[in-house]
Amino acid sequence: MSKATEQNDKLKRAIIVSVALHIVLIALLIWSSFDEHLDASAGGGGGSSIDAVMVDPGAVVKNYDRQQQQQASARRAAEQREKQAQQQAEELREKQAAEQERLKQLEQDRLQAQEAAKEAKEQQKQAEEAAAKAAAAAKAKADAQAKEAQEAAAKAAADAKAKADAQAKAAEAAAAKAAADAKKQAEAEAAKAAADAQKKAEADAAKKAQQEAEKKAQQQAEKKAQQEAAKQAAAEKAAAQKAAAEKAAAEKAAAAEKAAAEKAAAAKAAAAEKAAAD
């Protein structure tokens, strides 16, 4: 309720401020129109006093005509401004009327919303009362059903206990018999499993020994092959080194033979030159 009153006060304040602003604006427009009209009249009077001092009649007539034209223009301008001010004032009045109509519509909408809220609150109250009655009835019904269910559950529990006791005795006897049978079967299976395990262990041990022997023989063969390969590589390396040494010796002997031949040829040539000189 206080919220609706606050909204109403805000709406009234908005209307008052809007009306006051429109009145001030109209007053300023009218004052501006009167002020411009007075300024134009004052300017024309000053021109007339100055023209009265002049001596030339032609200039006086010309100045008079110009003053008449200026005054006519000033009157037309003042009339135009006044007409424009009236038009603006009319537009402002129309806008103010439209604004008042809008505010009136807003007030009506607010009142309608307030009324709708009041009705909704009343409906909510009625719904809450109906819900409370329904909840009370449902609780009473649920309590009765719970009591009946509790009694039925107690009877069912007693019946189930008696049946469970009988089933437990039968199950206990069956379990004892099954345990005895299972024990006999387990002992027989354990004996058979032990014999099978022993046989399997012996077979696995023999197989493992054979695999170890084969692995050792393979390792020895690989080691021998590596040794043979090393010997072969050493022999090939020695043969290659020997061939290289023989080749180097042959090349050295050929070079020495060539040098001796060149030296003999040079000596022969020197002897021939000496004989020719003698």
C-alpha atoms as a PDB file:
ATOM      1  CA  MET A   1       0.000   0.000   0.000  1.00  0.00           C
ATOM      2  CA  SER A   2       2.824   2.407   0.858  1.00  0.00           C
ATOM      3  CA  LYS A   3       4.458   1.606  -2.493  1.00  0.00           C
ATOM      4  CA  ALA A   4       1.293   2.605  -4.381  1.00  0.00           C
ATOM      5  CA  THR A   5       1.084   5.881  -2.396  1.00  0.00           C
ATOM      6  CA  GLU A   6       4.730   6.631  -3.185  1.00  0.00           C
ATOM      7  CA  GLN A   7       4.132   6.047  -6.917  1.00  0.00           C
ATOM      8  CA  ASN A   8       1.062   8.336  -6.768  1.00  0.00           C
ATOM      9  CA  ASP A   9       3.106  11.125  -5.124  1.00  0.00           C
ATOM     10  CA  LYS A  10       5.851  10.773  -7.760  1.00  0.00           C
ATOM     11  CA  LEU A  11       3.259  11.018 -10.544  1.00  0.00           C
ATOM     12  CA  LYS A  12       1.722  14.169  -9.056  1.00  0.00           C
ATOM     13  CA  ARG A  13       5.144  15.793  -8.664  1.00  0.00           C
ATOM     14  CA  ALA A  14       5.950  14.986 -12.304  1.00  0.00           C
ATOM     15  CA  ILE A  15       2.684  16.623 -13.472  1.00  0.00           C
ATOM     16  CA  ILE A  16       3.342  19.773 -11.420  1.00  0.00           C
ATOM     17  CA  VAL A  17       6.936  20.106 -12.691  1.00  0.00           C
ATOM     18  CA  SER A  18       5.826  19.605 -16.311  1.00  0.00           C
ATOM     19  CA  VAL A  19       3.099  22.283 -16.077  1.00  0.00           C
ATOM     20  CA  ALA A  20       5.493  24.748 -14.401  1.00  0.00           C
ATOM     21  CA  LEU A  21       8.150  24.256 -17.088  1.00  0.00           C
ATOM     22  CA  HIS A  22       5.599  24.813 -19.879  1.00  0.00           C
ATOM     23  CA  ILE A  23       4.364  28.062 -18.245  1.00  0.00           C
ATOM     24  CA  VAL A  24       7.932  29.373 -17.864  1.00  0.00           C
ATOM     25  CA  LEU A  25       8.738  28.530 -21.495  1.00  0.00           C
ATOM     26  CA  ILE A  26       5.613  30.352 -22.811  1.00  0.00           C
ATOM     27  CA  ALA A  27       6.425  33.413 -20.678  1.00  0.00           C
ATOM     28  CA  LEU A  28       9.996  33.506 -22.035  1.00  0.00           C
ATOM     29  CA  LEU A  29       8.752  33.336 -25.641  1.00  0.00           C
ATOM     30  CA  ILE A  30       6.255  36.197 -25.112  1.00  0.00           C
ATOM     31  CA  TRP A  31       8.856  38.326 -23.318  1.00  0.00           C
ATOM     32  CA  SER A  32      11.371  37.757 -26.136  1.00  0.00           C
ATOM     33  CA  SER A  33       8.795  38.858 -28.730  1.00  0.00           C
ATOM     34  CA  PHE A  34       7.986  42.084 -26.849  1.00  0.00           C
ATOM     35  CA  ASP A  35      11.684  42.841 -26.290  1.00  0.00           C
ATOM     36  CA  GLU A  36      12.531  42.539 -30.010  1.00  0.00           C
ATOM     37  CA  HIS A  37       9.539  44.738 -30.927  1.00  0.00           C
ATOM     38  CA  LEU A  38      10.676  47.477 -28.509  1.00  0.00           C
ATOM     39  CA  ASP A  39      14.264  47.326 -29.861  1.00  0.00           C
ATOM     40  CA  ALA A  40      13.040  47.790 -33.435  1.00  0.00           C
ATOM     41  CA  SER A  41      10.876  50.781 -32.435  1.00  0.00           C
ATOM     42  CA  ALA A  42      13.766  52.408 -30.554  1.00  0.00           C
ATOM     43  CA  GLY A  43      16.096  52.020 -33.544  1.00  0.00           C
ATOM     44  CA  GLY A  44      13.572  53.706 -35.884  1.00  0.00           C
ATOM     45  CA  GLY A  45      13.151  56.729 -33.584  1.00  0.00           C
ATOM     46  CA  GLY A  46      16.880  57.334 -33.441  1.00  0.00           C
ATOM     47  CA  GLY A  47      17.091  57.326 -37.228  1.00  0.00           C
ATOM     48  CA  SER A  48      14.348  59.930 -37.476  1.00  0.00           C
ATOM     49  CA  SER A  49      16.129  62.325 -35.098  1.00  0.00           C
ATOM     50  CA  ILE A  50      19.337  61.993 -37.098  1.00  0.00           C
ATOM     51  CA  ASP A  51      17.496  62.569 -40.383  1.00  0.00           C
ATOM     52  CA  ALA A  52      15.922  65.729 -38.998  1.00  0.00           C
ATOM     53  CA  VAL A  53      19.336  67.301 -38.636  1.00  0.00           C
ATOM     54  CA  MET A  54      20.238  66.721 -42.325  1.00  0.00           C
ATOM     55  CA  VAL A  55      19.742  69.584 -44.807  1.00  0.00           C
ATOM     56  CA  ASP A  56      19.486  67.829 -48.196  1.00  0.00           C
ATOM     57  CA  PRO A  57      15.744  67.342 -49.006  1.00  0.00           C
ATOM     58  CA  GLY A  58      16.465  64.449 -51.397  1.00  0.00           C
ATOM     59  CA  ALA A  59      18.456  62.670 -48.739  1.00  0.00           C
ATOM     60  CA  VAL A  60      15.659  63.364 -46.234  1.00  0.00           C
ATOM     61  CA  VAL A  61      13.067  61.794 -48.541  1.00  0.00           C
ATOM     62  CA  LYS A  62      15.337  58.849 -49.305  1.00  0.00           C
ATOM     63  CA  ASN A  63      16.084  58.330 -45.615  1.00  0.00           C
ATOM     64  CA  TYR A  64      12.373  58.613 -44.806  1.00  0.00           C
ATOM     65  CA  ASP A  65      11.540  55.939 -47.370  1.00  0.00           C
ATOM     66  CA  ARG A  66      14.267  53.725 -45.965  1.00  0.00           C
ATOM     67  CA  GLN A  67      12.908  54.243 -42.438  1.00  0.00           C
ATOM     68  CA  GLN A  68       9.413  53.361 -43.615  1.00  0.00           C
ATOM     69  CA  GLN A  69      10.743  50.186 -45.231  1.00  0.00           C
ATOM     70  CA  GLN A  70      12.723  49.314 -42.095  1.00  0.00           C
ATOM     71  CA  GLN A  71       9.684  49.929 -39.894  1.00  0.00           C
ATOM     72  CA  ALA A  72       7.525  47.833 -42.251  1.00  0.00           C
ATOM     73  CA  SER A  73      10.137  45.074 -42.197  1.00  0.00           C
ATOM     74  CA  ALA A  74      10.366  45.348 -38.417  1.00  0.00           C
ATOM     75  CA  ARG A  75       6.559  45.135 -38.141  1.00  0.00           C
ATOM     76  CA  ARG A  76       6.478  42.112 -40.437  1.00  0.00           C
ATOM     77  CA  ALA A  77       9.300  40.492 -38.487  1.00  0.00           C
ATOM     78  CA  ALA A  78       7.554  41.260 -35.196  1.00  0.00           C
ATOM     79  CA  GLU A  79       4.276  39.887 -36.567  1.00  0.00           C
ATOM     80  CA  GLN A  80       6.119  36.817 -37.835  1.00  0.00           C
ATOM     81  CA  ARG A  81       7.800  36.335 -34.453  1.00  0.00           C
ATOM     82  CA  GLU A  82       4.521  36.880 -32.657  1.00  0.00           C
ATOM     83  CA  LYS A  83       2.807  34.423 -35.002  1.00  0.00           C
ATOM     84  CA  GLN A  84       5.635  31.960 -34.488  1.00  0.00           C
ATOM     85  CA  ALA A  85       5.444  32.478 -30.720  1.00  0.00           C
ATOM     86  CA  GLN A  86       1.684  31.906 -30.817  1.00  0.00           C
ATOM     87  CA  GLN A  87       2.221  28.809 -32.938  1.00  0.00           C
ATOM     88  CA  GLN A  88       4.871  27.545 -30.533  1.00  0.00           C
ATOM     89  CA  ALA A  89       2.596  28.359 -27.613  1.00  0.00           C
ATOM     90  CA  GLU A  90      -0.200  26.431 -29.331  1.00  0.00           C
ATOM     91  CA  GLU A  91       2.145  23.514 -29.935  1.00  0.00           C
ATOM     92  CA  LEU A  92       3.219  23.673 -26.308  1.00  0.00           C
ATOM     93  CA  ARG A  93      -0.422  23.701 -25.210  1.00  0.00           C
ATOM     94  CA  GLU A  94      -1.082  20.709 -27.436  1.00  0.00           C
ATOM     95  CA  LYS A  95       1.995  18.922 -26.100  1.00  0.00           C
ATOM     96  CA  GLN A  96       0.958  19.838 -22.556  1.00  0.00           C
ATOM     97  CA  ALA A  97      -2.525  18.490 -23.212  1.00  0.00           C
ATOM     98  CA  ALA A  98      -1.042  15.315 -24.695  1.00  0.00           C
ATOM     99  CA  GLU A  99       1.322  15.015 -21.733  1.00  0.00           C
ATOM    100  CA  GLN A 100      -1.560  15.515 -19.308  1.00  0.00           C
ATOM    101  CA  GLU A 101      -3.554  12.907 -21.214  1.00  0.00           C
ATOM    102  CA  ARG A 102      -0.578  10.533 -21.060  1.00  0.00           C
ATOM    103  CA  LEU A 103      -0.157  11.163 -17.345  1.00  0.00           C
ATOM    104  CA  LYS A 104      -3.886  10.675 -16.886  1.00  0.00           C
ATOM    105  CA  GLN A 105      -3.647   7.382 -18.748  1.00  0.00           C
ATOM    106  CA  LEU A 106      -0.661   6.410 -16.590  1.00  0.00           C
ATOM    107  CA  GLU A 107      -2.687   7.230 -13.482  1.00  0.00           C
ATOM    108  CA  GLN A 108      -5.557   5.107 -14.779  1.00  0.00           C
ATOM    109  CA  ASP A 109      -3.136   2.284 -15.544  1.00  0.00           C
ATOM    110  CA  ARG A 110      -1.656   2.622 -12.068  1.00  0.00           C
ATOM    111  CA  LEU A 111      -5.093   2.501 -10.466  1.00  0.00           C
ATOM    112  CA  GLN A 112      -6.013  -0.509 -12.585  1.00  0.00           C
ATOM    113  CA  ALA A 113      -2.754  -2.214 -11.638  1.00  0.00           C
ATOM    114  CA  GLN A 114      -3.379  -1.381  -7.991  1.00  0.00           C
ATOM    115  CA  GLU A 115      -6.879  -2.822  -8.234  1.00  0.00           C
ATOM    116  CA  ALA A 116      -5.551  -5.905 -10.018  1.00  0.00           C
ATOM    117  CA  ALA A 117      -2.906  -6.329  -7.314  1.00  0.00           C
ATOM    118  CA  LYS A 118      -5.600  -6.030  -4.664  1.00  0.00           C
ATOM    119  CA  GLU A 119      -7.716  -8.657  -6.408  1.00  0.00           C
ATOM    120  CA  ALA A 120      -4.674 -10.909  -6.842  1.00  0.00           C
ATOM    121  CA  LYS A 121      -3.873 -10.544  -3.144  1.00  0.00           C
ATOM    122  CA  GLU A 122      -7.447 -11.461  -2.247  1.00  0.00           C
ATOM    123  CA  GLN A 123      -7.319 -14.448  -4.587  1.00  0.00           C
ATOM    124  CA  GLN A 124      -3.993 -15.473  -3.063  1.00  0.00           C
ATOM    125  CA  LYS A 125      -5.526 -15.246   0.410  1.00  0.00           C
ATOM    126  CA  GLN A 126      -8.454 -17.408  -0.654  1.00  0.00           C
ATOM    127  CA  ALA A 127      -6.083 -19.875  -2.310  1.00  0.00           C
ATOM    128  CA  GLU A 128      -3.959 -20.043   0.856  1.00  0.00           C
ATOM    129  CA  GLU A 129      -7.054 -20.698   2.979  1.00  0.00           C
ATOM    130  CA  ALA A 130      -8.208 -23.407   0.563  1.00  0.00           C
ATOM    131  CA  ALA A 131      -4.718 -24.900   0.544  1.00  0.00           C
ATOM    132  CA  ALA A 132      -4.647 -24.905   4.363  1.00  0.00           C
ATOM    133  CA  LYS A 133      -8.000 -26.707   4.472  1.00  0.00           C
ATOM    134  CA  ALA A 134      -6.843 -29.202   1.859  1.00  0.00           C
ATOM    135  CA  ALA A 135      -3.587 -29.737   3.751  1.00  0.00           C
ATOM    136  CA  ALA A 136      -5.480 -30.392   7.005  1.00  0.00           C
ATOM    137  CA  ALA A 137      -7.777 -32.881   5.276  1.00  0.00           C
ATOM    138  CA  ALA A 138      -4.837 -34.544   3.564  1.00  0.00           C
ATOM    139  CA  LYS A 139      -2.981 -34.774   6.894  1.00  0.00           C
ATOM    140  CA  ALA A 140      -5.951 -36.413   8.602  1.00  0.00           C
ATOM    141  CA  LYS A 141      -6.304 -38.874   5.740  1.00  0.00           C
ATOM    142  CA  ALA A 142      -2.560 -39.547   5.713  1.00  0.00           C
ATOM    143  CA  ASP A 143      -2.570 -40.144   9.501  1.00  0.00           C
ATOM    144  CA  ALA A 144      -5.380 -42.681   9.140  1.00  0.00           C
ATOM    145  CA  GLN A 145      -3.635 -44.394   6.259  1.00  0.00           C
ATOM    146  CA  ALA A 146      -0.357 -44.413   8.187  1.00  0.00           C
ATOM    147  CA  LYS A 147      -2.054 -46.054  11.182  1.00  0.00           C
ATOM    148  CA  GLU A 148      -3.580 -48.726   8.960  1.00  0.00           C
ATOM    149  CA  ALA A 149      -0.261 -49.257   7.223  1.00  0.00           C
ATOM    150  CA  GLN A 150       1.521 -49.535  10.583  1.00  0.00           C
ATOM    151  CA  GLU A 151      -0.897 -52.207  11.787  1.00  0.00           C
ATOM    152  CA  ALA A 152      -0.596 -54.099   8.494  1.00  0.00           C
ATOM    153  CA  ALA A 153       3.186 -53.830   8.661  1.00  0.00           C
ATOM    154  CA  ALA A 154       3.237 -55.211  12.215  1.00  0.00           C
ATOM    155  CA  LYS A 155       1.122 -58.212  11.158  1.00  0.00           C
ATOM    156  CA  ALA A 156       3.237 -58.757   8.039  1.00  0.00           C
ATOM    157  CA  ALA A 157       6.401 -58.561  10.149  1.00  0.00           C
ATOM    158  CA  ALA A 158       5.113 -61.213  12.548  1.00  0.00           C
ATOM    159  CA  ASP A 159       4.148 -63.497   9.660  1.00  0.00           C
ATOM    160  CA  ALA A 160       7.466 -62.890   7.953  1.00  0.00           C
ATOM    161  CA  LYS A 161       9.374 -63.641  11.183  1.00  0.00           C
ATOM    162  CA  ALA A 162       7.627 -66.972  11.635  1.00  0.00           C
ATOM    163  CA  LYS A 163       8.213 -67.889   8.004  1.00  0.00           C
ATOM    164  CA  ALA A 164      11.837 -66.753   8.205  1.00  0.00           C
ATOM    165  CA  ASP A 165      12.439 -68.852  11.331  1.00  0.00           C
ATOM    166  CA  ALA A 166      11.126 -71.946   9.560  1.00  0.00           C
ATOM    167  CA  GLN A 167      13.158 -71.201   6.459  1.00  0.00           C
ATOM    168  CA  ALA A 168      16.252 -70.570   8.586  1.00  0.00           C
ATOM    169  CA  LYS A 169      15.966 -73.976  10.254  1.00  0.00           C
ATOM    170  CA  ALA A 170      15.539 -75.704   6.889  1.00  0.00           C
ATOM    171  CA  ALA A 171      18.409 -73.690   5.429  1.00  0.00           C
ATOM    172  CA  GLU A 172      20.634 -74.546   8.406  1.00  0.00           C
ATOM    173  CA  ALA A 173      20.053 -78.274   7.889  1.00  0.00           C
ATOM    174  CA  ALA A 174      20.616 -77.981   4.157  1.00  0.00           C
ATOM    175  CA  ALA A 175      23.767 -75.950   4.762  1.00  0.00           C
ATOM    176  CA  ALA A 176      25.172 -78.579   7.126  1.00  0.00           C
ATOM    177  CA  LYS A 177      24.576 -81.317   4.557  1.00  0.00           C
ATOM    178  CA  ALA A 178      26.018 -79.174   1.757  1.00  0.00           C
ATOM    179  CA  ALA A 179      29.081 -78.395   3.886  1.00  0.00           C
ATOM    180  CA  ALA A 180      29.749 -82.067   4.508  1.00  0.00           C
ATOM    181  CA  ASP A 181      29.342 -82.895   0.819  1.00  0.00           C
ATOM    182  CA  ALA A 182      31.523 -79.954  -0.160  1.00  0.00           C
ATOM    183  CA  LYS A 183      34.213 -81.007   2.300  1.00  0.00           C
ATOM    184  CA  LYS A 184      34.360 -84.503   0.831  1.00  0.00           C
ATOM    185  CA  GLN A 185      34.455 -83.164  -2.713  1.00  0.00           C
ATOM    186  CA  ALA A 186      37.102 -80.594  -1.819  1.00  0.00           C
ATOM    187  CA  GLU A 187      39.325 -83.217  -0.233  1.00  0.00           C
ATOM    188  CA  ALA A 188      39.051 -85.432  -3.320  1.00  0.00           C
ATOM    189  CA  GLU A 189      39.706 -82.495  -5.654  1.00  0.00           C
ATOM    190  CA  ALA A 190      42.664 -81.361  -3.525  1.00  0.00           C
ATOM    191  CA  ALA A 191      44.251 -84.810  -3.682  1.00  0.00           C
ATOM    192  CA  LYS A 192      43.769 -84.949  -7.447  1.00  0.00           C
ATOM    193  CA  ALA A 193      45.091 -81.399  -7.837  1.00  0.00           C
ATOM    194  CA  ALA A 194      48.183 -82.231  -5.781  1.00  0.00           C
ATOM    195  CA  ALA A 195      48.941 -85.254  -7.954  1.00  0.00           C
ATOM    196  CA  ASP A 196      48.376 -83.255 -11.132  1.00  0.00           C
ATOM    197  CA  ALA A 197      50.546 -80.422  -9.806  1.00  0.00           C
ATOM    198  CA  GLN A 198      53.383 -82.808  -8.989  1.00  0.00           C
ATOM    199  CA  LYS A 199      53.243 -84.327 -12.478  1.00  0.00           C
ATOM    200  CA  LYS A 200      53.139 -80.883 -14.055  1.00  0.00           C
ATOM    201  CA  ALA A 201      56.062 -79.669 -11.907  1.00  0.00           C
ATOM    202  CA  GLU A 202      58.179 -82.651 -12.939  1.00  0.00           C
ATOM    203  CA  ALA A 203      57.349 -82.108 -16.621  1.00  0.00           C
ATOM    204  CA  ASP A 204      58.062 -78.365 -16.326  1.00  0.00           C
ATOM    205  CA  ALA A 205      61.408 -79.047 -14.632  1.00  0.00           C
ATOM    206  CA  ALA A 206      62.461 -81.460 -17.399  1.00  0.00           C
ATOM    207  CA  LYS A 207      61.366 -79.018 -20.067  1.00  0.00           C
ATOM    208  CA  LYS A 208      63.202 -76.152 -18.370  1.00  0.00           C
ATOM    209  CA  ALA A 209      66.408 -78.223 -18.101  1.00  0.00           C
ATOM    210  CA  GLN A 210      66.208 -79.051 -21.796  1.00  0.00           C
ATOM    211  CA  GLN A 211      65.671 -75.383 -22.674  1.00  0.00           C
ATOM    212  CA  GLU A 212      68.642 -74.351 -20.525  1.00  0.00           C
ATOM    213  CA  ALA A 213      70.886 -76.944 -22.240  1.00  0.00           C
ATOM    214  CA  GLU A 214      69.772 -75.812 -25.695  1.00  0.00           C
ATOM    215  CA  LYS A 215      70.348 -72.192 -24.732  1.00  0.00           C
ATOM    216  CA  LYS A 216      73.842 -72.933 -23.414  1.00  0.00           C
ATOM    217  CA  ALA A 217      74.752 -74.885 -26.583  1.00  0.00           C
ATOM    218  CA  GLN A 218      73.502 -72.014 -28.744  1.00  0.00           C
ATOM    219  CA  GLN A 219      75.536 -69.485 -26.746  1.00  0.00           C
ATOM    220  CA  GLN A 220      78.688 -71.611 -27.128  1.00  0.00           C
ATOM    221  CA  ALA A 221      78.090 -71.956 -30.892  1.00  0.00           C
ATOM    222  CA  GLU A 222      77.609 -68.192 -31.218  1.00  0.00           C
ATOM    223  CA  LYS A 223      80.800 -67.548 -29.226  1.00  0.00           C
ATOM    224  CA  LYS A 224      82.788 -69.947 -31.419  1.00  0.00           C
ATOM    225  CA  ALA A 225      81.387 -68.336 -34.572  1.00  0.00           C
ATOM    226  CA  GLN A 226      82.409 -64.891 -33.265  1.00  0.00           C
ATOM    227  CA  GLN A 227      85.937 -66.163 -32.569  1.00  0.00           C
ATOM    228  CA  GLU A 228      86.200 -67.664 -36.080  1.00  0.00           C
ATOM    229  CA  ALA A 229      84.952 -64.409 -37.578  1.00  0.00           C
ATOM    230  CA  ALA A 230      87.549 -62.448 -35.583  1.00  0.00           C
ATOM    231  CA  LYS A 231      90.323 -64.770 -36.803  1.00  0.00           C
ATOM    232  CA  GLN A 232      89.125 -64.403 -40.403  1.00  0.00           C
ATOM    233  CA  ALA A 233      89.018 -60.621 -40.093  1.00  0.00           C
ATOM    234  CA  ALA A 234      92.564 -60.556 -38.638  1.00  0.00           C
ATOM    235  CA  ALA A 235      93.880 -62.756 -41.468  1.00  0.00           C
ATOM    236  CA  GLU A 236      92.206 -60.578 -44.085  1.00  0.00           C
ATOM    237  CA  LYS A 237      93.639 -57.462 -42.448  1.00  0.00           C
ATOM    238  CA  ALA A 238      97.185 -58.958 -42.392  1.00  0.00           C
ATOM    239  CA  ALA A 239      96.905 -59.990 -46.062  1.00  0.00           C
ATOM    240  CA  ALA A 240      95.734 -56.503 -46.969  1.00  0.00           C
ATOM    241  CA  GLN A 241      98.610 -54.917 -45.052  1.00  0.00           C
ATOM    242  CA  LYS A 242     101.114 -57.292 -46.751  1.00  0.00           C
ATOM    243  CA  ALA A 243      99.745 -56.482 -50.207  1.00  0.00           C
ATOM    244  CA  ALA A 244      99.954 -52.777 -49.435  1.00  0.00           C
ATOM    245  CA  ALA A 245     103.588 -53.140 -48.275  1.00  0.00           C
ATOM    246  CA  GLU A 246     104.511 -55.111 -51.394  1.00  0.00           C
ATOM    247  CA  LYS A 247     102.847 -52.510 -53.584  1.00  0.00           C
ATOM    248  CA  ALA A 248     104.697 -49.690 -51.795  1.00  0.00           C
ATOM    249  CA  ALA A 249     108.041 -51.539 -52.197  1.00  0.00           C
ATOM    250  CA  ALA A 250     107.408 -52.110 -55.905  1.00  0.00           C
ATOM    251  CA  GLU A 251     106.496 -48.457 -56.385  1.00  0.00           C
ATOM    252  CA  LYS A 252     109.645 -47.425 -54.473  1.00  0.00           C
ATOM    253  CA  ALA A 253     111.866 -49.745 -56.606  1.00  0.00           C
ATOM    254  CA  ALA A 254     110.290 -48.412 -59.796  1.00  0.00           C
ATOM    255  CA  ALA A 255     110.922 -44.855 -58.634  1.00  0.00           C
ATOM    256  CA  ALA A 256     114.563 -45.668 -57.816  1.00  0.00           C
ATOM    257  CA  GLU A 257     115.039 -47.350 -61.201  1.00  0.00           C
ATOM    258  CA  LYS A 258     113.533 -44.373 -62.958  1.00  0.00           C
ATOM    259  CA  ALA A 259     115.770 -41.973 -61.014  1.00  0.00           C
ATOM    260  CA  ALA A 260     118.885 -44.050 -61.930  1.00  0.00           C
ATOM    261  CA  ALA A 261     117.896 -44.049 -65.603  1.00  0.00           C
ATOM    262  CA  GLU A 262     117.328 -40.308 -65.536  1.00  0.00           C
ATOM    263  CA  LYS A 263     120.703 -39.819 -63.792  1.00  0.00           C
ATOM    264  CA  ALA A 264     122.516 -42.018 -66.402  1.00  0.00           C
ATOM    265  CA  ALA A 265     120.852 -40.146 -69.237  1.00  0.00           C
ATOM    266  CA  ALA A 266     121.929 -36.850 -67.713  1.00  0.00           C
ATOM    267  CA  ALA A 267     125.529 -38.065 -67.350  1.00  0.00           C
ATOM    268  CA  LYS A 268     125.531 -39.290 -70.940  1.00  0.00           C
ATOM    269  CA  ALA A 269     124.205 -35.987 -72.159  1.00  0.00           C
ATOM    270  CA  ALA A 270     126.847 -34.098 -70.171  1.00  0.00           C
ATOM    271  CA  ALA A 271     129.627 -36.276 -71.631  1.00  0.00           C
ATOM    272  CA  ALA A 272     128.336 -35.677 -75.140  1.00  0.00           C
ATOM    273  CA  GLU A 273     128.236 -31.939 -74.562  1.00  0.00           C
ATOM    274  CA  LYS A 274     131.794 -32.015 -73.181  1.00  0.00           C
ATOM    275  CA  ALA A 275     133.073 -34.035 -76.176  1.00  0.00           C
ATOM    276  CA  ALA A 276     131.442 -31.634 -78.537  1.00  0.00           C
ATOM    277  CA  ALA A 277     133.070 -28.728 -76.773  1.00  0.00           C
ATOM    278  CA  ASP A 278     136.551 -30.267 -77.074  1.00  0.00           C
END
